Amino acid sequence: MSVRVFGRAAKLQVGTLVFEYGKGKSALDFDFSIEKTLSGNPNKAEIKVYNLSRKHRSELSKQKRYPLVFSAGYDEGTTMIFRGDIRHIENENENGNTFITTIEAQDGIDAHQFTRANLSFGRGAPVGDVVKALASAMSTNGLGIGNVVEAAKGMALEGIGANTF
């Protein structure tokens, strides 16, 4: 018998696979921890799904390069609280009866690791212009300009001089 607590609901989508918990949904259970940060580091998620079928555990393990979207809320509606890239999936049998699938993910992994920019600047270009152009080029791949302008104020490169933000 599944016990519903205060009408809570959750939805996990990995690639084409969708797992849901809530009123009228499967008896799956989720534990999750989402770590959000204001720094330039990626946000992190650890999501545990209990008692997936053998078939679903196998399919999920094959989805390691797919994006993950996790939503949580109540039966009346859920809200996306995390979107990111899977870093690691592990299946374990806790006590012979309970299977736990643990998914670790971070947002922007691919963007942080694989974003490239090919830009050219004329002789004497201000450092500030170069930094802003790089940040702008990277934002098209999901990385935001964030605090680049503030962090780069007063920056100078040896032999080039100060920026002009």
N, C-alpha and C. Protein backbone atom coordinates (compact mmCIF):
# COMPACT_ATOMS: atom_id res chain seq x y z
N MET A 1 0.84 -1.19 0.00
CA MET A 1 0.00 0.00 0.00
C MET A 1 0.88 1.25 0.00
N SER A 2 0.62 2.14 -0.90
CA SER A 2 1.39 3.37 -1.01
C SER A 2 0.70 4.48 -0.22
N VAL A 3 1.44 5.22 0.56
CA VAL A 3 0.88 6.31 1.35
C VAL A 3 1.25 7.63 0.70
N ARG A 4 0.26 8.42 0.39
CA ARG A 4 0.49 9.73 -0.22
C ARG A 4 0.57 10.77 0.90
N VAL A 5 1.61 11.57 0.90
CA VAL A 5 1.81 12.55 1.94
C VAL A 5 1.43 13.93 1.42
N PHE A 6 0.34 14.47 1.94
CA PHE A 6 -0.08 15.83 1.62
C PHE A 6 -0.22 16.10 0.12
N GLY A 7 -0.55 15.10 -0.67
CA GLY A 7 -0.78 15.29 -2.11
C GLY A 7 0.46 15.66 -2.88
N ARG A 8 1.61 15.25 -2.42
CA ARG A 8 2.85 15.58 -3.13
C ARG A 8 2.96 14.82 -4.44
N ALA A 9 3.69 15.41 -5.39
CA ALA A 9 3.89 14.80 -6.70
C ALA A 9 5.30 15.11 -7.18
N ALA A 10 5.83 14.24 -8.02
CA ALA A 10 7.15 14.46 -8.60
C ALA A 10 7.19 13.83 -9.99
N LYS A 11 8.07 14.36 -10.83
CA LYS A 11 8.23 13.85 -12.18
C LYS A 11 9.71 13.93 -12.55
N LEU A 12 10.24 12.80 -13.02
CA LEU A 12 11.63 12.72 -13.46
C LEU A 12 11.63 12.33 -14.93
N GLN A 13 12.29 13.14 -15.75
CA GLN A 13 12.42 12.81 -17.17
C GLN A 13 13.89 12.73 -17.51
N VAL A 14 14.30 11.59 -18.07
CA VAL A 14 15.66 11.38 -18.53
C VAL A 14 15.54 10.91 -19.97
N GLY A 15 15.95 11.78 -20.91
CA GLY A 15 15.77 11.45 -22.32
C GLY A 15 14.29 11.24 -22.58
N THR A 16 13.92 10.08 -23.09
CA THR A 16 12.51 9.78 -23.39
C THR A 16 11.81 9.07 -22.24
N LEU A 17 12.55 8.70 -21.20
CA LEU A 17 11.95 8.01 -20.06
C LEU A 17 11.34 9.01 -19.10
N VAL A 18 10.12 8.72 -18.64
CA VAL A 18 9.42 9.59 -17.69
C VAL A 18 8.93 8.73 -16.53
N PHE A 19 9.25 9.17 -15.31
CA PHE A 19 8.80 8.49 -14.10
C PHE A 19 8.06 9.51 -13.25
N GLU A 20 6.86 9.13 -12.77
CA GLU A 20 6.04 10.06 -12.01
C GLU A 20 5.57 9.45 -10.70
N TYR A 21 5.34 10.33 -9.73
CA TYR A 21 4.81 9.96 -8.44
C TYR A 21 3.72 10.96 -8.11
N GLY A 22 2.61 10.49 -7.61
CA GLY A 22 1.53 11.38 -7.22
C GLY A 22 0.20 10.71 -7.42
N LYS A 23 -0.85 11.46 -7.24
CA LYS A 23 -2.22 10.94 -7.35
C LYS A 23 -2.43 10.33 -8.74
N GLY A 24 -2.84 9.08 -8.76
CA GLY A 24 -3.11 8.40 -10.02
C GLY A 24 -1.87 7.99 -10.78
N LYS A 25 -0.70 8.16 -10.18
CA LYS A 25 0.56 7.80 -10.83
C LYS A 25 1.09 6.52 -10.22
N SER A 26 2.28 6.14 -10.62
CA SER A 26 2.89 4.90 -10.12
C SER A 26 3.20 5.01 -8.64
N ALA A 27 3.55 3.89 -8.06
CA ALA A 27 3.89 3.85 -6.64
C ALA A 27 5.37 4.13 -6.40
N LEU A 28 6.06 4.67 -7.40
CA LEU A 28 7.47 5.00 -7.23
C LEU A 28 7.64 6.05 -6.14
N ASP A 29 8.76 6.04 -5.53
CA ASP A 29 9.06 7.03 -4.51
C ASP A 29 10.39 7.69 -4.87
N PHE A 30 10.52 8.97 -4.58
CA PHE A 30 11.73 9.72 -4.87
C PHE A 30 12.27 10.34 -3.59
N ASP A 31 13.57 10.39 -3.45
CA ASP A 31 14.27 11.25 -2.51
C ASP A 31 15.14 12.13 -3.37
N PHE A 32 15.25 13.40 -3.02
CA PHE A 32 16.11 14.25 -3.84
C PHE A 32 16.76 15.34 -3.00
N SER A 33 17.91 15.74 -3.46
CA SER A 33 18.64 16.84 -2.87
C SER A 33 19.14 17.71 -4.02
N ILE A 34 18.73 18.97 -4.03
CA ILE A 34 19.13 19.91 -5.08
C ILE A 34 19.98 20.99 -4.41
N GLU A 35 21.17 21.21 -4.93
CA GLU A 35 22.07 22.23 -4.39
C GLU A 35 22.23 23.34 -5.42
N LYS A 36 21.69 24.50 -5.10
CA LYS A 36 21.79 25.66 -5.99
C LYS A 36 22.86 26.61 -5.45
N THR A 37 23.58 27.24 -6.34
CA THR A 37 24.63 28.16 -5.92
C THR A 37 24.60 29.41 -6.78
N LEU A 38 25.01 30.51 -6.20
CA LEU A 38 25.11 31.77 -6.95
C LEU A 38 26.50 31.95 -7.54
N SER A 39 27.42 31.05 -7.19
CA SER A 39 28.77 31.15 -7.74
C SER A 39 28.75 30.65 -9.18
N GLY A 40 29.88 30.65 -9.81
CA GLY A 40 29.97 30.18 -11.20
C GLY A 40 29.97 28.67 -11.32
N ASN A 41 29.94 27.95 -10.20
CA ASN A 41 29.96 26.49 -10.24
C ASN A 41 28.59 25.94 -10.61
N PRO A 42 28.56 24.76 -11.24
CA PRO A 42 27.28 24.17 -11.62
C PRO A 42 26.43 23.80 -10.40
N ASN A 43 25.11 23.90 -10.54
CA ASN A 43 24.19 23.42 -9.53
C ASN A 43 24.20 21.89 -9.58
N LYS A 44 23.89 21.25 -8.45
CA LYS A 44 23.98 19.79 -8.37
C LYS A 44 22.66 19.20 -7.91
N ALA A 45 22.41 17.97 -8.34
CA ALA A 45 21.24 17.23 -7.90
C ALA A 45 21.62 15.78 -7.64
N GLU A 46 21.03 15.22 -6.60
CA GLU A 46 21.10 13.79 -6.37
C GLU A 46 19.66 13.33 -6.21
N ILE A 47 19.24 12.42 -7.08
CA ILE A 47 17.86 11.94 -7.07
C ILE A 47 17.90 10.43 -6.91
N LYS A 48 17.15 9.96 -5.92
CA LYS A 48 17.06 8.52 -5.70
C LYS A 48 15.64 8.09 -6.05
N VAL A 49 15.56 7.05 -6.88
CA VAL A 49 14.27 6.50 -7.29
C VAL A 49 14.21 5.08 -6.73
N TYR A 50 13.14 4.79 -6.02
CA TYR A 50 13.01 3.49 -5.36
C TYR A 50 12.15 2.54 -6.18
N ASN A 51 12.66 1.32 -6.30
CA ASN A 51 11.93 0.18 -6.85
C ASN A 51 11.51 0.32 -8.31
N LEU A 52 12.42 0.84 -9.14
CA LEU A 52 12.19 0.77 -10.58
C LEU A 52 12.26 -0.69 -11.01
N SER A 53 11.55 -1.02 -12.05
CA SER A 53 11.62 -2.38 -12.57
C SER A 53 13.02 -2.63 -13.14
N ARG A 54 13.37 -3.90 -13.30
CA ARG A 54 14.66 -4.27 -13.88
C ARG A 54 14.80 -3.63 -15.26
N LYS A 55 13.73 -3.66 -16.05
CA LYS A 55 13.75 -3.08 -17.40
C LYS A 55 14.05 -1.58 -17.33
N HIS A 56 13.36 -0.86 -16.44
CA HIS A 56 13.57 0.59 -16.33
C HIS A 56 14.95 0.92 -15.78
N ARG A 57 15.47 0.14 -14.84
CA ARG A 57 16.83 0.37 -14.35
C ARG A 57 17.83 0.22 -15.49
N SER A 58 17.65 -0.80 -16.31
CA SER A 58 18.53 -1.04 -17.44
C SER A 58 18.44 0.09 -18.46
N GLU A 59 17.22 0.50 -18.80
CA GLU A 59 17.03 1.59 -19.78
C GLU A 59 17.63 2.89 -19.26
N LEU A 60 17.42 3.18 -17.98
CA LEU A 60 17.92 4.41 -17.40
C LEU A 60 19.44 4.44 -17.41
N SER A 61 20.07 3.32 -17.15
CA SER A 61 21.54 3.25 -17.15
C SER A 61 22.12 3.52 -18.52
N LYS A 62 21.35 3.30 -19.57
CA LYS A 62 21.81 3.56 -20.93
C LYS A 62 21.65 5.02 -21.33
N GLN A 63 21.00 5.83 -20.51
CA GLN A 63 20.65 7.22 -20.84
C GLN A 63 21.65 8.22 -20.27
N LYS A 64 22.88 7.83 -20.01
CA LYS A 64 23.83 8.68 -19.29
C LYS A 64 24.15 10.00 -19.99
N ARG A 65 24.02 10.10 -21.26
CA ARG A 65 24.36 11.35 -21.95
C ARG A 65 23.11 12.20 -22.26
N TYR A 66 22.01 11.87 -21.65
CA TYR A 66 20.77 12.61 -21.91
C TYR A 66 20.54 13.65 -20.82
N PRO A 67 19.81 14.69 -21.16
CA PRO A 67 19.47 15.68 -20.14
C PRO A 67 18.45 15.11 -19.16
N LEU A 68 18.49 15.63 -17.95
CA LEU A 68 17.58 15.23 -16.89
C LEU A 68 16.75 16.43 -16.49
N VAL A 69 15.45 16.23 -16.31
CA VAL A 69 14.57 17.29 -15.82
C VAL A 69 13.80 16.71 -14.65
N PHE A 70 13.84 17.42 -13.52
CA PHE A 70 13.13 16.96 -12.32
C PHE A 70 12.16 18.05 -11.87
N SER A 71 10.92 17.65 -11.68
CA SER A 71 9.88 18.57 -11.22
C SER A 71 9.28 18.02 -9.94
N ALA A 72 8.87 18.91 -9.05
CA ALA A 72 8.24 18.49 -7.80
C ALA A 72 7.16 19.49 -7.43
N GLY A 73 6.22 19.04 -6.63
CA GLY A 73 5.14 19.91 -6.19
C GLY A 73 4.02 19.09 -5.59
N TYR A 74 2.81 19.41 -6.01
CA TYR A 74 1.62 18.75 -5.48
C TYR A 74 0.79 18.22 -6.63
N ASP A 75 -0.23 17.43 -6.28
CA ASP A 75 -1.08 16.83 -7.31
C ASP A 75 -1.65 17.87 -8.27
N GLU A 76 -1.89 19.08 -7.78
CA GLU A 76 -2.45 20.14 -8.63
C GLU A 76 -1.47 20.62 -9.68
N GLY A 77 -0.19 20.36 -9.46
CA GLY A 77 0.81 20.78 -10.44
C GLY A 77 2.21 20.72 -9.86
N THR A 78 3.15 20.49 -10.74
CA THR A 78 4.55 20.46 -10.34
C THR A 78 5.31 21.58 -11.04
N THR A 79 6.47 21.91 -10.50
CA THR A 79 7.33 22.94 -11.06
C THR A 79 8.72 22.35 -11.27
N MET A 80 9.32 22.66 -12.39
CA MET A 80 10.67 22.19 -12.65
C MET A 80 11.61 22.83 -11.63
N ILE A 81 12.34 21.99 -10.90
CA ILE A 81 13.28 22.51 -9.91
C ILE A 81 14.73 22.21 -10.29
N PHE A 82 14.92 21.37 -11.30
CA PHE A 82 16.29 21.11 -11.74
C PHE A 82 16.28 20.62 -13.18
N ARG A 83 17.24 21.13 -13.95
CA ARG A 83 17.50 20.65 -15.30
C ARG A 83 19.02 20.58 -15.44
N GLY A 84 19.51 19.43 -15.88
CA GLY A 84 20.95 19.31 -15.98
C GLY A 84 21.37 18.08 -16.76
N ASP A 85 22.63 17.76 -16.66
CA ASP A 85 23.23 16.63 -17.36
C ASP A 85 23.62 15.57 -16.34
N ILE A 86 23.40 14.32 -16.68
CA ILE A 86 23.72 13.23 -15.78
C ILE A 86 25.23 13.03 -15.70
N ARG A 87 25.71 12.90 -14.48
CA ARG A 87 27.13 12.60 -14.24
C ARG A 87 27.33 11.12 -13.92
N HIS A 88 26.39 10.54 -13.16
CA HIS A 88 26.58 9.16 -12.70
C HIS A 88 25.22 8.54 -12.35
N ILE A 89 25.05 7.27 -12.70
CA ILE A 89 23.86 6.51 -12.32
C ILE A 89 24.33 5.22 -11.66
N GLU A 90 23.75 4.92 -10.53
CA GLU A 90 24.11 3.70 -9.81
C GLU A 90 22.85 2.99 -9.34
N ASN A 91 22.80 1.69 -9.56
CA ASN A 91 21.69 0.86 -9.08
C ASN A 91 22.21 -0.02 -7.96
N GLU A 92 21.47 -0.06 -6.86
CA GLU A 92 21.86 -0.95 -5.76
C GLU A 92 20.64 -1.63 -5.17
N ASN A 93 20.87 -2.82 -4.66
CA ASN A 93 19.83 -3.59 -3.99
C ASN A 93 20.09 -3.44 -2.50
N GLU A 94 19.23 -2.66 -1.82
CA GLU A 94 19.49 -2.30 -0.43
C GLU A 94 19.37 -3.48 0.53
N ASN A 95 18.30 -4.25 0.43
CA ASN A 95 18.09 -5.32 1.40
C ASN A 95 17.45 -6.56 0.78
N GLY A 96 17.62 -6.73 -0.49
CA GLY A 96 17.00 -7.87 -1.16
C GLY A 96 15.62 -7.55 -1.72
N ASN A 97 14.98 -6.53 -1.17
CA ASN A 97 13.62 -6.16 -1.60
C ASN A 97 13.54 -4.76 -2.20
N THR A 98 14.44 -3.89 -1.81
CA THR A 98 14.38 -2.50 -2.23
C THR A 98 15.53 -2.18 -3.18
N PHE A 99 15.18 -1.78 -4.39
CA PHE A 99 16.17 -1.34 -5.37
C PHE A 99 16.19 0.18 -5.36
N ILE A 100 17.39 0.73 -5.29
CA ILE A 100 17.56 2.18 -5.28
C ILE A 100 18.41 2.57 -6.47
N THR A 101 17.87 3.45 -7.31
CA THR A 101 18.62 4.01 -8.43
C THR A 101 19.00 5.43 -8.05
N THR A 102 20.30 5.69 -7.94
CA THR A 102 20.79 7.02 -7.56
C THR A 102 21.35 7.70 -8.80
N ILE A 103 20.85 8.89 -9.06
CA ILE A 103 21.29 9.67 -10.22
C ILE A 103 21.93 10.96 -9.72
N GLU A 104 23.17 11.18 -10.12
CA GLU A 104 23.85 12.44 -9.80
C GLU A 104 23.92 13.26 -11.08
N ALA A 105 23.57 14.54 -10.96
CA ALA A 105 23.55 15.41 -12.14
C ALA A 105 24.04 16.80 -11.77
N GLN A 106 24.47 17.53 -12.78
CA GLN A 106 24.85 18.93 -12.63
C GLN A 106 24.30 19.69 -13.83
N ASP A 107 23.98 20.95 -13.60
CA ASP A 107 23.53 21.74 -14.75
C ASP A 107 24.75 22.33 -15.46
N GLY A 108 24.66 22.37 -16.77
CA GLY A 108 25.70 22.99 -17.57
C GLY A 108 27.00 22.22 -17.69
N ILE A 109 27.00 20.91 -17.41
CA ILE A 109 28.26 20.16 -17.50
C ILE A 109 28.84 20.26 -18.91
N ASP A 110 28.03 19.92 -19.90
CA ASP A 110 28.53 19.96 -21.27
C ASP A 110 28.93 21.37 -21.67
N ALA A 111 28.13 22.36 -21.26
CA ALA A 111 28.47 23.74 -21.60
C ALA A 111 29.78 24.15 -20.96
N HIS A 112 30.00 23.77 -19.70
CA HIS A 112 31.25 24.12 -19.02
C HIS A 112 32.45 23.41 -19.63
N GLN A 113 32.28 22.17 -20.05
CA GLN A 113 33.41 21.40 -20.53
C GLN A 113 33.69 21.55 -22.02
N PHE A 114 32.66 21.79 -22.82
CA PHE A 114 32.85 21.72 -24.26
C PHE A 114 32.60 23.01 -25.02
N THR A 115 32.29 24.11 -24.33
CA THR A 115 32.06 25.37 -25.02
C THR A 115 33.38 25.91 -25.57
N ARG A 116 33.36 26.30 -26.81
CA ARG A 116 34.54 26.85 -27.45
C ARG A 116 34.16 28.17 -28.12
N ALA A 117 35.12 29.05 -28.20
CA ALA A 117 34.90 30.33 -28.88
C ALA A 117 36.09 30.58 -29.81
N ASN A 118 35.79 31.03 -31.02
CA ASN A 118 36.83 31.36 -31.99
C ASN A 118 36.62 32.82 -32.36
N LEU A 119 37.39 33.69 -31.73
CA LEU A 119 37.23 35.13 -31.91
C LEU A 119 38.56 35.76 -32.29
N SER A 120 38.51 36.84 -33.04
CA SER A 120 39.72 37.58 -33.40
C SER A 120 39.56 39.03 -32.97
N PHE A 121 40.66 39.64 -32.55
CA PHE A 121 40.65 41.03 -32.12
C PHE A 121 41.86 41.73 -32.72
N GLY A 122 41.65 42.99 -33.04
CA GLY A 122 42.75 43.78 -33.60
C GLY A 122 43.76 44.16 -32.54
N ARG A 123 44.92 44.56 -33.01
CA ARG A 123 45.99 44.99 -32.12
C ARG A 123 45.49 46.12 -31.23
N GLY A 124 45.80 46.02 -29.94
CA GLY A 124 45.42 47.06 -28.99
C GLY A 124 43.99 46.99 -28.51
N ALA A 125 43.30 45.91 -28.82
CA ALA A 125 41.91 45.79 -28.35
C ALA A 125 41.89 45.79 -26.83
N PRO A 126 40.98 46.56 -26.22
CA PRO A 126 40.90 46.60 -24.76
C PRO A 126 40.57 45.22 -24.18
N VAL A 127 41.22 44.89 -23.07
CA VAL A 127 41.00 43.61 -22.41
C VAL A 127 39.52 43.43 -22.08
N GLY A 128 38.87 44.50 -21.64
CA GLY A 128 37.45 44.43 -21.30
C GLY A 128 36.60 43.98 -22.47
N ASP A 129 36.91 44.48 -23.65
CA ASP A 129 36.17 44.08 -24.85
C ASP A 129 36.35 42.59 -25.13
N VAL A 130 37.58 42.09 -24.94
CA VAL A 130 37.86 40.67 -25.18
C VAL A 130 37.08 39.80 -24.19
N VAL A 131 37.12 40.17 -22.91
CA VAL A 131 36.43 39.40 -21.88
C VAL A 131 34.93 39.39 -22.13
N LYS A 132 34.35 40.53 -22.45
CA LYS A 132 32.90 40.60 -22.72
C LYS A 132 32.53 39.78 -23.94
N ALA A 133 33.35 39.83 -25.00
CA ALA A 133 33.06 39.06 -26.21
C ALA A 133 33.13 37.56 -25.92
N LEU A 134 34.11 37.12 -25.13
CA LEU A 134 34.20 35.71 -24.76
C LEU A 134 32.98 35.27 -23.96
N ALA A 135 32.60 36.07 -22.97
CA ALA A 135 31.43 35.73 -22.15
C ALA A 135 30.17 35.68 -23.00
N SER A 136 30.03 36.60 -23.92
CA SER A 136 28.87 36.62 -24.80
C SER A 136 28.84 35.39 -25.71
N ALA A 137 29.99 35.02 -26.26
CA ALA A 137 30.07 33.85 -27.14
C ALA A 137 29.71 32.58 -26.38
N MET A 138 30.14 32.49 -25.14
CA MET A 138 29.85 31.31 -24.34
C MET A 138 28.40 31.26 -23.89
N SER A 139 27.73 32.40 -23.80
CA SER A 139 26.34 32.41 -23.35
C SER A 139 25.42 31.74 -24.36
N THR A 140 25.82 31.65 -25.62
CA THR A 140 24.99 30.98 -26.62
C THR A 140 24.94 29.47 -26.38
N ASN A 141 25.87 28.93 -25.57
CA ASN A 141 25.89 27.51 -25.25
C ASN A 141 25.41 27.24 -23.83
N GLY A 142 24.68 28.17 -23.24
CA GLY A 142 24.10 27.93 -21.94
C GLY A 142 24.87 28.51 -20.77
N LEU A 143 26.03 29.08 -21.00
CA LEU A 143 26.77 29.71 -19.91
C LEU A 143 26.41 31.19 -19.90
N GLY A 144 26.05 31.69 -18.75
CA GLY A 144 25.66 33.09 -18.66
C GLY A 144 26.85 34.00 -18.45
N ILE A 145 26.65 35.27 -18.74
CA ILE A 145 27.71 36.25 -18.55
C ILE A 145 27.94 36.47 -17.06
N GLY A 146 26.89 36.17 -16.25
CA GLY A 146 27.04 36.21 -14.79
C GLY A 146 27.69 37.47 -14.29
N ASN A 147 28.71 37.31 -13.47
CA ASN A 147 29.40 38.44 -12.85
C ASN A 147 30.72 38.77 -13.56
N VAL A 148 30.83 38.40 -14.83
CA VAL A 148 32.08 38.60 -15.55
C VAL A 148 32.51 40.06 -15.55
N VAL A 149 31.59 40.95 -15.85
CA VAL A 149 31.96 42.37 -15.94
C VAL A 149 32.47 42.87 -14.60
N GLU A 150 31.77 42.53 -13.52
CA GLU A 150 32.18 42.98 -12.18
C GLU A 150 33.52 42.36 -11.79
N ALA A 151 33.69 41.07 -12.05
CA ALA A 151 34.92 40.37 -11.67
C ALA A 151 36.13 40.87 -12.46
N ALA A 152 35.91 41.33 -13.68
CA ALA A 152 37.02 41.73 -14.54
C ALA A 152 37.41 43.19 -14.40
N LYS A 153 36.66 43.97 -13.61
CA LYS A 153 37.02 45.38 -13.43
C LYS A 153 38.40 45.48 -12.81
N GLY A 154 39.22 46.30 -13.39
CA GLY A 154 40.58 46.49 -12.89
C GLY A 154 41.55 45.41 -13.34
N MET A 155 41.07 44.46 -14.13
CA MET A 155 41.94 43.38 -14.62
C MET A 155 42.92 43.95 -15.63
N ALA A 156 44.13 43.42 -15.60
CA ALA A 156 45.15 43.80 -16.57
C ALA A 156 45.93 42.56 -16.96
N LEU A 157 46.34 42.48 -18.19
CA LEU A 157 47.21 41.41 -18.64
C LEU A 157 48.61 41.95 -18.78
N GLU A 158 49.58 41.19 -18.36
CA GLU A 158 50.97 41.64 -18.39
C GLU A 158 51.35 42.12 -19.79
N GLY A 159 51.84 43.32 -19.86
CA GLY A 159 52.29 43.86 -21.13
C GLY A 159 51.18 44.47 -21.97
N ILE A 160 49.93 44.39 -21.50
CA ILE A 160 48.84 44.91 -22.30
C ILE A 160 48.19 46.11 -21.66
N GLY A 161 48.06 46.11 -20.35
CA GLY A 161 47.47 47.24 -19.67
C GLY A 161 46.10 46.93 -19.11
N ALA A 162 45.49 47.90 -18.50
CA ALA A 162 44.20 47.73 -17.84
C ALA A 162 43.06 47.66 -18.86
N ASN A 163 41.94 47.09 -18.41
CA ASN A 163 40.78 47.01 -19.28
C ASN A 163 40.03 48.34 -19.29
N THR A 164 38.99 48.39 -20.10
CA THR A 164 38.16 49.61 -20.18
C THR A 164 36.70 49.22 -20.09
N PHE A 165 36.26 48.74 -18.93
CA PHE A 165 34.84 48.37 -18.77
C PHE A 165 34.00 49.59 -18.58
